[in-house]
N, C-alpha and C. Protein backbone atom coordinates (compact mmCIF):
# COMPACT_ATOMS: atom_id res chain seq x y z
N MET A 1 -22.67 21.00 -11.81
CA MET A 1 -22.24 22.33 -11.41
C MET A 1 -21.93 23.17 -12.63
N SER A 2 -22.24 24.45 -12.56
CA SER A 2 -21.98 25.35 -13.67
C SER A 2 -20.48 25.63 -13.77
N PRO A 3 -20.01 26.12 -14.93
CA PRO A 3 -18.59 26.47 -15.07
C PRO A 3 -18.12 27.46 -14.01
N VAL A 4 -18.98 28.42 -13.67
CA VAL A 4 -18.62 29.41 -12.65
C VAL A 4 -18.45 28.72 -11.29
N SER A 5 -19.36 27.80 -10.96
CA SER A 5 -19.27 27.08 -9.69
C SER A 5 -18.01 26.23 -9.64
N CYS A 6 -17.66 25.62 -10.77
CA CYS A 6 -16.44 24.80 -10.83
C CYS A 6 -15.20 25.65 -10.62
N MET A 7 -15.19 26.84 -11.23
CA MET A 7 -14.05 27.75 -11.05
C MET A 7 -13.97 28.23 -9.61
N THR A 8 -15.12 28.51 -9.02
CA THR A 8 -15.16 28.96 -7.62
C THR A 8 -14.65 27.85 -6.70
N LYS A 9 -15.07 26.63 -6.99
CA LYS A 9 -14.62 25.48 -6.19
C LYS A 9 -13.11 25.32 -6.26
N ARG A 10 -12.55 25.45 -7.45
CA ARG A 10 -11.10 25.30 -7.61
C ARG A 10 -10.36 26.44 -6.92
N LEU A 11 -10.88 27.66 -7.01
CA LEU A 11 -10.26 28.80 -6.34
C LEU A 11 -10.29 28.59 -4.83
N PHE A 12 -11.41 28.09 -4.33
CA PHE A 12 -11.52 27.77 -2.90
C PHE A 12 -10.46 26.75 -2.50
N ASP A 13 -10.29 25.71 -3.34
CA ASP A 13 -9.29 24.68 -3.05
C ASP A 13 -7.89 25.27 -2.95
N ILE A 14 -7.55 26.13 -3.90
CA ILE A 14 -6.21 26.71 -3.94
C ILE A 14 -5.96 27.58 -2.71
N VAL A 15 -6.88 28.49 -2.43
CA VAL A 15 -6.71 29.43 -1.32
C VAL A 15 -6.68 28.69 0.02
N CYS A 16 -7.64 27.79 0.23
CA CYS A 16 -7.75 27.12 1.53
C CYS A 16 -6.65 26.09 1.77
N SER A 17 -6.20 25.42 0.70
CA SER A 17 -5.10 24.46 0.88
C SER A 17 -3.80 25.20 1.21
N LEU A 18 -3.60 26.33 0.57
CA LEU A 18 -2.40 27.13 0.85
C LEU A 18 -2.44 27.65 2.29
N LEU A 19 -3.59 28.19 2.70
CA LEU A 19 -3.73 28.67 4.07
C LEU A 19 -3.58 27.52 5.07
N GLY A 20 -4.13 26.35 4.71
CA GLY A 20 -4.04 25.18 5.59
C GLY A 20 -2.61 24.72 5.77
N LEU A 21 -1.85 24.71 4.68
CA LEU A 21 -0.45 24.29 4.77
C LEU A 21 0.35 25.22 5.68
N LEU A 22 0.05 26.51 5.58
CA LEU A 22 0.75 27.48 6.42
C LEU A 22 0.31 27.36 7.88
N ALA A 23 -1.00 27.24 8.09
CA ALA A 23 -1.54 27.19 9.45
C ALA A 23 -1.10 25.93 10.20
N PHE A 24 -1.02 24.80 9.47
CA PHE A 24 -0.69 23.53 10.11
C PHE A 24 0.80 23.21 10.08
N LEU A 25 1.62 24.15 9.65
CA LEU A 25 3.06 23.92 9.59
C LEU A 25 3.63 23.44 10.93
N PRO A 26 3.27 24.06 12.07
CA PRO A 26 3.78 23.55 13.35
C PRO A 26 3.35 22.10 13.61
N VAL A 27 2.12 21.76 13.22
CA VAL A 27 1.62 20.39 13.39
C VAL A 27 2.43 19.43 12.53
N PHE A 28 2.72 19.85 11.29
CA PHE A 28 3.54 19.04 10.39
C PHE A 28 4.88 18.71 11.03
N LEU A 29 5.50 19.72 11.62
CA LEU A 29 6.82 19.54 12.21
C LEU A 29 6.77 18.60 13.41
N ILE A 30 5.75 18.76 14.27
CA ILE A 30 5.63 17.91 15.46
C ILE A 30 5.35 16.47 15.06
N VAL A 31 4.42 16.27 14.12
CA VAL A 31 4.08 14.92 13.68
C VAL A 31 5.30 14.24 13.03
N ALA A 32 6.02 14.99 12.21
CA ALA A 32 7.21 14.44 11.55
C ALA A 32 8.23 13.98 12.58
N MET A 33 8.41 14.78 13.61
CA MET A 33 9.37 14.44 14.66
C MET A 33 8.94 13.17 15.40
N LEU A 34 7.64 13.05 15.70
CA LEU A 34 7.13 11.88 16.43
C LEU A 34 7.26 10.60 15.62
N ILE A 35 6.94 10.70 14.32
CA ILE A 35 7.04 9.52 13.45
C ILE A 35 8.49 9.07 13.34
N LYS A 36 9.38 10.03 13.13
CA LYS A 36 10.80 9.72 12.96
C LYS A 36 11.38 9.13 14.23
N ARG A 37 10.95 9.67 15.37
CA ARG A 37 11.50 9.20 16.64
C ARG A 37 11.03 7.79 16.98
N GLU A 38 9.83 7.42 16.52
CA GLU A 38 9.29 6.10 16.89
C GLU A 38 10.06 4.95 16.26
N ASP A 39 10.31 5.02 14.95
CA ASP A 39 11.00 3.88 14.32
C ASP A 39 12.05 4.27 13.29
N GLY A 40 12.27 5.58 13.12
CA GLY A 40 13.31 6.03 12.21
C GLY A 40 12.96 5.93 10.73
N GLY A 41 11.74 5.46 10.43
CA GLY A 41 11.33 5.30 9.03
C GLY A 41 10.90 6.62 8.40
N PRO A 42 10.52 6.56 7.13
CA PRO A 42 10.10 7.78 6.42
C PRO A 42 8.85 8.40 7.05
N VAL A 43 8.78 9.72 7.00
CA VAL A 43 7.66 10.45 7.59
C VAL A 43 6.45 10.42 6.66
N ILE A 44 6.69 10.63 5.38
CA ILE A 44 5.62 10.70 4.39
C ILE A 44 5.45 9.36 3.68
N PHE A 45 4.20 8.95 3.56
CA PHE A 45 3.84 7.72 2.86
C PHE A 45 3.24 8.12 1.51
N ARG A 46 3.78 7.56 0.45
CA ARG A 46 3.30 7.86 -0.90
C ARG A 46 2.65 6.62 -1.50
N GLN A 47 1.51 6.82 -2.14
CA GLN A 47 0.79 5.68 -2.70
C GLN A 47 0.06 6.10 -3.97
N ALA A 48 0.13 5.25 -4.99
CA ALA A 48 -0.55 5.53 -6.26
C ALA A 48 -2.05 5.34 -6.08
N ARG A 49 -2.82 6.33 -6.50
CA ARG A 49 -4.28 6.26 -6.44
C ARG A 49 -4.86 6.67 -7.79
N VAL A 50 -6.08 6.23 -8.04
CA VAL A 50 -6.78 6.59 -9.27
C VAL A 50 -7.52 7.90 -9.02
N GLY A 51 -7.28 8.88 -9.89
CA GLY A 51 -7.86 10.19 -9.66
C GLY A 51 -8.71 10.72 -10.80
N TYR A 52 -8.66 12.03 -10.96
CA TYR A 52 -9.45 12.75 -11.96
C TYR A 52 -9.20 12.20 -13.36
N ARG A 53 -10.28 11.92 -14.07
CA ARG A 53 -10.25 11.35 -15.42
C ARG A 53 -9.58 9.98 -15.48
N GLY A 54 -9.54 9.31 -14.34
CA GLY A 54 -8.98 7.96 -14.29
C GLY A 54 -7.47 7.92 -14.29
N LYS A 55 -6.82 9.08 -14.13
CA LYS A 55 -5.36 9.13 -14.15
C LYS A 55 -4.80 8.79 -12.76
N ILE A 56 -3.63 8.17 -12.77
CA ILE A 56 -2.95 7.80 -11.53
C ILE A 56 -2.17 9.00 -10.99
N PHE A 57 -2.30 9.25 -9.70
CA PHE A 57 -1.50 10.29 -9.05
C PHE A 57 -0.94 9.75 -7.75
N THR A 58 0.02 10.47 -7.18
CA THR A 58 0.64 10.03 -5.93
C THR A 58 0.00 10.74 -4.75
N LEU A 59 -0.72 9.99 -3.95
CA LEU A 59 -1.37 10.53 -2.76
C LEU A 59 -0.36 10.56 -1.61
N LEU A 60 -0.39 11.63 -0.83
CA LEU A 60 0.54 11.81 0.28
C LEU A 60 -0.18 11.65 1.62
N LYS A 61 0.47 11.00 2.54
CA LYS A 61 -0.05 10.85 3.90
C LYS A 61 1.12 10.83 4.87
N PHE A 62 0.84 11.16 6.13
CA PHE A 62 1.82 10.85 7.15
C PHE A 62 1.80 9.34 7.33
N ARG A 63 2.96 8.72 7.40
CA ARG A 63 3.01 7.26 7.53
C ARG A 63 2.44 6.85 8.88
N SER A 64 1.46 5.95 8.84
CA SER A 64 0.82 5.49 10.07
C SER A 64 1.07 4.01 10.34
N MET A 65 1.70 3.32 9.38
CA MET A 65 1.96 1.89 9.53
C MET A 65 3.46 1.61 9.53
N THR A 66 3.80 0.39 9.92
CA THR A 66 5.19 -0.02 9.89
C THR A 66 5.68 -0.01 8.44
N VAL A 67 6.98 0.10 8.26
CA VAL A 67 7.54 0.16 6.90
C VAL A 67 7.36 -1.15 6.15
N THR A 68 7.06 -2.23 6.86
CA THR A 68 6.87 -3.54 6.23
C THR A 68 5.39 -3.92 6.15
N ALA A 69 4.50 -2.93 6.21
CA ALA A 69 3.05 -3.18 6.25
C ALA A 69 2.56 -4.02 5.07
N GLU A 70 3.12 -3.79 3.89
CA GLU A 70 2.73 -4.56 2.70
C GLU A 70 3.98 -5.13 2.03
N ALA A 71 4.80 -5.77 2.85
CA ALA A 71 6.07 -6.29 2.36
C ALA A 71 5.89 -7.34 1.27
N ASP A 72 4.76 -8.04 1.28
CA ASP A 72 4.53 -9.07 0.26
C ASP A 72 4.02 -8.49 -1.06
N GLY A 73 3.80 -7.17 -1.08
CA GLY A 73 3.38 -6.51 -2.31
C GLY A 73 1.89 -6.58 -2.59
N ARG A 74 1.14 -7.26 -1.75
CA ARG A 74 -0.30 -7.39 -1.96
C ARG A 74 -1.05 -6.30 -1.19
N PRO A 75 -1.85 -5.47 -1.87
CA PRO A 75 -2.60 -4.41 -1.20
C PRO A 75 -3.54 -4.99 -0.14
N GLN A 76 -3.56 -4.36 1.02
CA GLN A 76 -4.45 -4.78 2.10
C GLN A 76 -5.16 -3.56 2.68
N LEU A 77 -6.42 -3.72 3.01
CA LEU A 77 -7.17 -2.64 3.63
C LEU A 77 -6.81 -2.55 5.11
N CYS A 78 -6.80 -1.33 5.63
CA CYS A 78 -6.55 -1.14 7.05
C CYS A 78 -7.83 -1.48 7.81
N LYS A 79 -7.72 -2.37 8.78
CA LYS A 79 -8.88 -2.80 9.55
C LYS A 79 -8.81 -2.25 10.97
N LYS A 80 -9.93 -2.35 11.67
CA LYS A 80 -9.97 -1.89 13.06
C LYS A 80 -8.95 -2.68 13.88
N ASN A 81 -8.21 -1.98 14.72
CA ASN A 81 -7.16 -2.58 15.56
C ASN A 81 -6.10 -3.29 14.72
N ASP A 82 -5.81 -2.74 13.55
CA ASP A 82 -4.80 -3.32 12.66
C ASP A 82 -3.44 -3.31 13.35
N LYS A 83 -2.80 -4.47 13.42
CA LYS A 83 -1.52 -4.61 14.11
C LYS A 83 -0.37 -3.95 13.35
N ARG A 84 -0.60 -3.58 12.10
CA ARG A 84 0.45 -2.93 11.31
C ARG A 84 0.60 -1.46 11.67
N LEU A 85 -0.38 -0.90 12.38
CA LEU A 85 -0.31 0.51 12.77
C LEU A 85 0.75 0.72 13.86
N THR A 86 1.50 1.79 13.73
CA THR A 86 2.44 2.16 14.79
C THR A 86 1.65 2.87 15.89
N LYS A 87 2.26 3.09 17.03
CA LYS A 87 1.57 3.79 18.11
C LYS A 87 1.21 5.21 17.70
N VAL A 88 2.17 5.91 17.10
CA VAL A 88 1.91 7.26 16.61
C VAL A 88 0.88 7.20 15.48
N GLY A 89 1.04 6.23 14.61
CA GLY A 89 0.13 6.10 13.48
C GLY A 89 -1.31 5.86 13.88
N ARG A 90 -1.52 5.07 14.92
CA ARG A 90 -2.87 4.81 15.41
C ARG A 90 -3.53 6.12 15.86
N PHE A 91 -2.77 6.94 16.59
CA PHE A 91 -3.29 8.24 17.04
C PHE A 91 -3.61 9.13 15.84
N LEU A 92 -2.70 9.17 14.87
CA LEU A 92 -2.90 10.00 13.69
C LEU A 92 -4.16 9.61 12.93
N ARG A 93 -4.36 8.31 12.76
CA ARG A 93 -5.54 7.84 12.02
C ARG A 93 -6.83 8.11 12.79
N GLU A 94 -6.81 7.91 14.10
CA GLU A 94 -8.00 8.15 14.91
C GLU A 94 -8.45 9.60 14.84
N HIS A 95 -7.49 10.51 14.69
CA HIS A 95 -7.79 11.94 14.66
C HIS A 95 -7.65 12.53 13.25
N HIS A 96 -7.44 11.65 12.26
CA HIS A 96 -7.38 12.02 10.84
C HIS A 96 -6.23 12.99 10.51
N LEU A 97 -5.24 13.02 11.37
CA LEU A 97 -4.08 13.89 11.12
C LEU A 97 -3.18 13.33 10.03
N ASP A 98 -3.29 12.02 9.77
CA ASP A 98 -2.45 11.42 8.72
C ASP A 98 -2.80 11.95 7.34
N GLU A 99 -3.99 12.55 7.20
CA GLU A 99 -4.44 13.05 5.90
C GLU A 99 -3.92 14.46 5.58
N LEU A 100 -3.34 15.14 6.55
CA LEU A 100 -2.95 16.54 6.35
C LEU A 100 -2.05 16.79 5.13
N PRO A 101 -1.07 15.91 4.83
CA PRO A 101 -0.24 16.16 3.64
C PRO A 101 -1.02 16.23 2.33
N GLN A 102 -2.26 15.75 2.34
CA GLN A 102 -3.05 15.82 1.11
C GLN A 102 -3.47 17.24 0.76
N LEU A 103 -3.24 18.17 1.67
CA LEU A 103 -3.43 19.58 1.33
C LEU A 103 -2.54 19.95 0.14
N TRP A 104 -1.38 19.30 0.05
CA TRP A 104 -0.48 19.53 -1.08
C TRP A 104 -1.08 18.96 -2.36
N ASN A 105 -1.73 17.80 -2.26
CA ASN A 105 -2.42 17.22 -3.41
C ASN A 105 -3.54 18.14 -3.89
N VAL A 106 -4.23 18.77 -2.93
CA VAL A 106 -5.31 19.71 -3.28
C VAL A 106 -4.73 20.93 -3.98
N LEU A 107 -3.66 21.48 -3.44
CA LEU A 107 -3.04 22.66 -4.03
C LEU A 107 -2.57 22.38 -5.45
N ARG A 108 -2.06 21.18 -5.69
CA ARG A 108 -1.57 20.80 -7.02
C ARG A 108 -2.69 20.50 -8.02
N GLY A 109 -3.93 20.42 -7.54
CA GLY A 109 -5.05 20.15 -8.42
C GLY A 109 -5.32 18.68 -8.64
N GLU A 110 -4.62 17.81 -7.90
CA GLU A 110 -4.84 16.37 -8.01
C GLU A 110 -6.06 15.94 -7.20
N MET A 111 -6.39 16.76 -6.20
CA MET A 111 -7.53 16.50 -5.34
C MET A 111 -8.30 17.79 -5.11
N SER A 112 -9.46 17.66 -4.49
CA SER A 112 -10.27 18.81 -4.08
C SER A 112 -10.56 18.64 -2.60
N PHE A 113 -11.09 19.67 -1.96
CA PHE A 113 -11.46 19.52 -0.56
C PHE A 113 -12.60 18.52 -0.41
N VAL A 114 -13.53 18.54 -1.35
CA VAL A 114 -14.67 17.63 -1.28
C VAL A 114 -14.78 16.83 -2.57
N GLY A 115 -14.95 15.53 -2.43
CA GLY A 115 -15.10 14.65 -3.57
C GLY A 115 -14.96 13.21 -3.11
N PRO A 116 -15.11 12.26 -4.00
CA PRO A 116 -14.95 10.85 -3.61
C PRO A 116 -13.52 10.59 -3.14
N ARG A 117 -13.36 9.80 -2.09
CA ARG A 117 -12.03 9.44 -1.65
C ARG A 117 -11.34 8.61 -2.72
N PRO A 118 -10.07 8.91 -3.03
CA PRO A 118 -9.36 8.17 -4.08
C PRO A 118 -9.00 6.76 -3.63
N GLU A 119 -9.06 5.83 -4.55
CA GLU A 119 -8.79 4.44 -4.21
C GLU A 119 -7.65 3.90 -5.05
N ARG A 120 -7.04 2.82 -4.58
CA ARG A 120 -5.97 2.17 -5.33
C ARG A 120 -6.55 1.39 -6.50
N GLU A 121 -5.78 1.29 -7.57
CA GLU A 121 -6.24 0.63 -8.78
C GLU A 121 -6.64 -0.82 -8.51
N PHE A 122 -5.93 -1.48 -7.62
CA PHE A 122 -6.22 -2.87 -7.27
C PHE A 122 -7.66 -3.02 -6.80
N PHE A 123 -8.10 -2.10 -5.94
CA PHE A 123 -9.46 -2.17 -5.41
C PHE A 123 -10.49 -1.58 -6.37
N VAL A 124 -10.07 -0.60 -7.16
CA VAL A 124 -10.98 -0.02 -8.17
C VAL A 124 -11.44 -1.11 -9.14
N LYS A 125 -10.52 -1.97 -9.54
CA LYS A 125 -10.87 -3.06 -10.46
C LYS A 125 -11.87 -4.01 -9.83
N GLN A 126 -11.70 -4.29 -8.54
CA GLN A 126 -12.63 -5.18 -7.84
C GLN A 126 -14.02 -4.56 -7.72
N ILE A 127 -14.05 -3.28 -7.38
CA ILE A 127 -15.33 -2.58 -7.24
C ILE A 127 -16.03 -2.48 -8.60
N SER A 128 -15.27 -2.11 -9.64
CA SER A 128 -15.83 -1.92 -10.97
C SER A 128 -16.37 -3.23 -11.55
N ALA A 129 -15.77 -4.34 -11.15
CA ALA A 129 -16.25 -5.64 -11.63
C ALA A 129 -17.66 -5.92 -11.13
N ILE A 130 -18.00 -5.34 -9.98
CA ILE A 130 -19.33 -5.51 -9.41
C ILE A 130 -20.27 -4.39 -9.86
N ASN A 131 -19.74 -3.16 -9.87
CA ASN A 131 -20.54 -2.00 -10.29
C ASN A 131 -19.71 -1.11 -11.20
N PRO A 132 -19.88 -1.25 -12.53
CA PRO A 132 -19.10 -0.47 -13.49
C PRO A 132 -19.33 1.05 -13.40
N ASP A 133 -20.35 1.47 -12.67
CA ASP A 133 -20.62 2.90 -12.53
C ASP A 133 -19.51 3.64 -11.79
N TYR A 134 -18.57 2.88 -11.23
CA TYR A 134 -17.44 3.53 -10.54
C TYR A 134 -16.75 4.53 -11.47
N GLU A 135 -16.67 4.21 -12.75
CA GLU A 135 -15.98 5.07 -13.71
C GLU A 135 -16.63 6.45 -13.83
N LEU A 136 -17.88 6.59 -13.44
CA LEU A 136 -18.53 7.90 -13.49
C LEU A 136 -17.86 8.88 -12.53
N LEU A 137 -17.21 8.35 -11.50
CA LEU A 137 -16.55 9.22 -10.52
C LEU A 137 -15.31 9.90 -11.09
N TYR A 138 -14.84 9.42 -12.24
CA TYR A 138 -13.66 10.02 -12.85
C TYR A 138 -13.93 11.45 -13.31
N GLN A 139 -15.20 11.85 -13.32
CA GLN A 139 -15.56 13.23 -13.68
C GLN A 139 -15.16 14.21 -12.59
N LEU A 140 -14.87 13.68 -11.40
CA LEU A 140 -14.59 14.52 -10.24
C LEU A 140 -13.15 14.37 -9.76
N ARG A 141 -12.62 15.45 -9.21
CA ARG A 141 -11.35 15.31 -8.50
C ARG A 141 -11.62 14.57 -7.19
N PRO A 142 -10.75 13.66 -6.80
CA PRO A 142 -10.93 12.99 -5.49
C PRO A 142 -10.91 14.02 -4.38
N GLY A 143 -11.55 13.70 -3.26
CA GLY A 143 -11.68 14.66 -2.19
C GLY A 143 -10.92 14.31 -0.92
N LEU A 144 -10.52 15.36 -0.22
CA LEU A 144 -9.96 15.20 1.12
C LEU A 144 -11.09 14.83 2.09
N PHE A 145 -12.27 15.42 1.84
CA PHE A 145 -13.47 15.12 2.62
C PHE A 145 -14.52 14.52 1.68
N SER A 146 -15.38 13.69 2.23
CA SER A 146 -16.50 13.16 1.45
C SER A 146 -17.63 12.79 2.38
N ALA A 147 -18.85 12.87 1.87
CA ALA A 147 -20.01 12.47 2.67
C ALA A 147 -19.92 10.98 2.98
N ALA A 148 -19.37 10.21 2.05
CA ALA A 148 -19.26 8.76 2.24
C ALA A 148 -18.37 8.43 3.44
N THR A 149 -17.26 9.13 3.58
CA THR A 149 -16.38 8.89 4.73
C THR A 149 -17.05 9.36 6.02
N LEU A 150 -17.74 10.47 5.94
CA LEU A 150 -18.41 11.04 7.11
C LEU A 150 -19.47 10.08 7.67
N TYR A 151 -20.24 9.47 6.77
CA TYR A 151 -21.36 8.63 7.21
C TYR A 151 -21.08 7.12 7.12
N ASN A 152 -20.10 6.74 6.31
CA ASN A 152 -19.82 5.31 6.09
C ASN A 152 -18.50 4.88 6.72
N GLY A 153 -17.70 5.86 7.14
CA GLY A 153 -16.43 5.57 7.79
C GLY A 153 -15.38 5.03 6.84
N TYR A 154 -14.25 4.59 7.41
CA TYR A 154 -13.20 3.98 6.61
C TYR A 154 -13.73 2.69 6.00
N THR A 155 -13.34 2.40 4.78
CA THR A 155 -13.82 1.20 4.11
C THR A 155 -12.83 0.06 4.30
N ASP A 156 -13.26 -0.96 5.06
CA ASP A 156 -12.39 -2.11 5.30
C ASP A 156 -13.00 -3.41 4.78
N THR A 157 -14.13 -3.31 4.06
CA THR A 157 -14.76 -4.48 3.44
C THR A 157 -15.30 -4.08 2.07
N MET A 158 -15.54 -5.06 1.21
CA MET A 158 -16.13 -4.77 -0.09
C MET A 158 -17.53 -4.19 0.05
N GLU A 159 -18.28 -4.66 1.04
CA GLU A 159 -19.63 -4.13 1.26
C GLU A 159 -19.58 -2.63 1.53
N LYS A 160 -18.61 -2.21 2.35
CA LYS A 160 -18.47 -0.79 2.65
C LYS A 160 -18.02 -0.01 1.41
N MET A 161 -17.17 -0.63 0.60
CA MET A 161 -16.72 0.02 -0.63
C MET A 161 -17.89 0.28 -1.58
N LEU A 162 -18.78 -0.70 -1.69
CA LEU A 162 -19.94 -0.55 -2.57
C LEU A 162 -20.93 0.48 -2.02
N GLU A 163 -21.06 0.53 -0.69
CA GLU A 163 -21.91 1.55 -0.08
C GLU A 163 -21.30 2.93 -0.28
N ARG A 164 -19.97 3.02 -0.17
CA ARG A 164 -19.28 4.29 -0.42
C ARG A 164 -19.51 4.73 -1.86
N LEU A 165 -19.44 3.79 -2.79
CA LEU A 165 -19.68 4.12 -4.20
C LEU A 165 -21.09 4.66 -4.38
N ARG A 166 -22.07 4.04 -3.76
CA ARG A 166 -23.45 4.50 -3.87
C ARG A 166 -23.57 5.95 -3.38
N MET A 167 -22.93 6.26 -2.27
CA MET A 167 -22.98 7.61 -1.72
C MET A 167 -22.21 8.60 -2.57
N ASP A 168 -21.08 8.16 -3.14
CA ASP A 168 -20.30 9.03 -4.02
C ASP A 168 -21.07 9.35 -5.30
N LEU A 169 -21.80 8.38 -5.83
CA LEU A 169 -22.61 8.62 -7.03
C LEU A 169 -23.75 9.59 -6.73
N TYR A 170 -24.29 9.49 -5.52
CA TYR A 170 -25.32 10.44 -5.11
C TYR A 170 -24.73 11.85 -5.06
N TYR A 171 -23.51 11.97 -4.51
CA TYR A 171 -22.83 13.27 -4.47
C TYR A 171 -22.60 13.80 -5.88
N LEU A 172 -22.16 12.92 -6.78
CA LEU A 172 -21.91 13.31 -8.16
C LEU A 172 -23.14 13.96 -8.78
N ASN A 173 -24.29 13.39 -8.52
CA ASN A 173 -25.53 13.86 -9.14
C ASN A 173 -26.20 15.01 -8.40
N ASN A 174 -25.72 15.33 -7.20
CA ASN A 174 -26.37 16.37 -6.40
C ASN A 174 -25.39 17.40 -5.85
N ARG A 175 -24.18 17.44 -6.40
CA ARG A 175 -23.16 18.31 -5.84
C ARG A 175 -23.45 19.79 -6.11
N SER A 176 -22.99 20.60 -5.19
CA SER A 176 -23.10 22.05 -5.31
C SER A 176 -22.11 22.65 -4.32
N LEU A 177 -21.89 23.94 -4.43
CA LEU A 177 -20.99 24.60 -3.48
C LEU A 177 -21.56 24.52 -2.07
N TRP A 178 -22.88 24.62 -1.94
CA TRP A 178 -23.51 24.54 -0.63
C TRP A 178 -23.31 23.15 -0.02
N VAL A 179 -23.47 22.12 -0.83
CA VAL A 179 -23.26 20.74 -0.35
C VAL A 179 -21.82 20.57 0.12
N ASP A 180 -20.86 21.12 -0.65
CA ASP A 180 -19.45 21.03 -0.26
C ASP A 180 -19.20 21.70 1.09
N ILE A 181 -19.74 22.90 1.26
CA ILE A 181 -19.55 23.62 2.52
C ILE A 181 -20.14 22.83 3.68
N LYS A 182 -21.30 22.23 3.46
CA LYS A 182 -21.96 21.44 4.50
C LYS A 182 -21.10 20.23 4.89
N ILE A 183 -20.52 19.55 3.89
CA ILE A 183 -19.68 18.37 4.16
C ILE A 183 -18.42 18.77 4.92
N ILE A 184 -17.79 19.87 4.51
CA ILE A 184 -16.59 20.35 5.20
C ILE A 184 -16.91 20.70 6.65
N PHE A 185 -18.00 21.41 6.86
CA PHE A 185 -18.39 21.83 8.21
C PHE A 185 -18.68 20.62 9.10
N LEU A 186 -19.48 19.69 8.60
CA LEU A 186 -19.85 18.52 9.40
C LEU A 186 -18.64 17.63 9.70
N THR A 187 -17.73 17.52 8.72
CA THR A 187 -16.52 16.72 8.94
C THR A 187 -15.62 17.37 9.98
N ALA A 188 -15.46 18.69 9.88
CA ALA A 188 -14.63 19.41 10.85
C ALA A 188 -15.20 19.27 12.26
N VAL A 189 -16.52 19.41 12.40
CA VAL A 189 -17.17 19.27 13.70
C VAL A 189 -16.95 17.85 14.25
N SER A 190 -17.08 16.86 13.38
CA SER A 190 -16.92 15.46 13.80
C SER A 190 -15.50 15.20 14.28
N ILE A 191 -14.51 15.72 13.55
CA ILE A 191 -13.11 15.51 13.94
C ILE A 191 -12.81 16.20 15.26
N ILE A 192 -13.26 17.46 15.39
CA ILE A 192 -13.00 18.22 16.61
C ILE A 192 -13.67 17.57 17.81
N SER A 193 -14.86 17.01 17.60
CA SER A 193 -15.60 16.40 18.71
C SER A 193 -15.09 15.01 19.04
N GLY A 194 -14.14 14.50 18.23
CA GLY A 194 -13.55 13.20 18.51
C GLY A 194 -14.31 12.01 17.97
N LYS A 195 -15.26 12.27 17.06
CA LYS A 195 -16.03 11.15 16.48
C LYS A 195 -15.11 10.23 15.68
N LYS A 196 -15.28 8.94 15.84
CA LYS A 196 -14.48 7.95 15.12
C LYS A 196 -15.24 7.53 13.87
N PHE A 197 -14.61 7.70 12.70
CA PHE A 197 -15.23 7.26 11.45
C PHE A 197 -14.19 6.89 10.44
C-alpha cells in the first residue's frame, strides 16, 4: 500500500472506531450488566497478544469464559462447545459481540479494522517453528476483521492456525483499501445473517 493509502486506512480506523464506540455504548452497558449478573466476575478480559512490529499489547474483550478458564496458567484454545464458556459468553462469541471492546484497541492504534488476527506469544512460537514466515505479519497492525476469520473461522487446531497464516500472508501481499472494504462488508453481512465462523 502507498503512504497515502496507509494514512487513509489509519484515518478510517480512528473515525470509525470512535463512531463505533459511541454507537455501541448502549450495547456495552447491556453486555456488561449481563456478564456481571451471571457470575459477578470482571466484565472485560485482558490478554497479551503479539502485534505490530512484534510488540506485545493488551487485547480487550468482553469476558466470555469462567474466571478460572486457564487457572493452571497454560494457554488453551477455545474449542467448539467449550465447557469453560459461560452462558452469556457463549452467546457473545456466537454473535462476535465479545470483540466489541477491541474498538478501543483500534482507536489507540494497536489494531486496525482489517488485518491478521493477533495471537498469543505461546502460539506464535509454535506456528513460527513450523512456518517462520509468520514474522512477516509484523508489518501489519492486527485486525478486528480478517479474511482468514471470515473463511477459516476460529482457530482451534494447529492445522487451522497454519491455514490462517497462509491466508494472512496472501492478504499481506494483496492488501488495498478496496480489499479492506470488501472484508468489512462481507464480515458485517455474515454476522448480521447469523453465520457461525
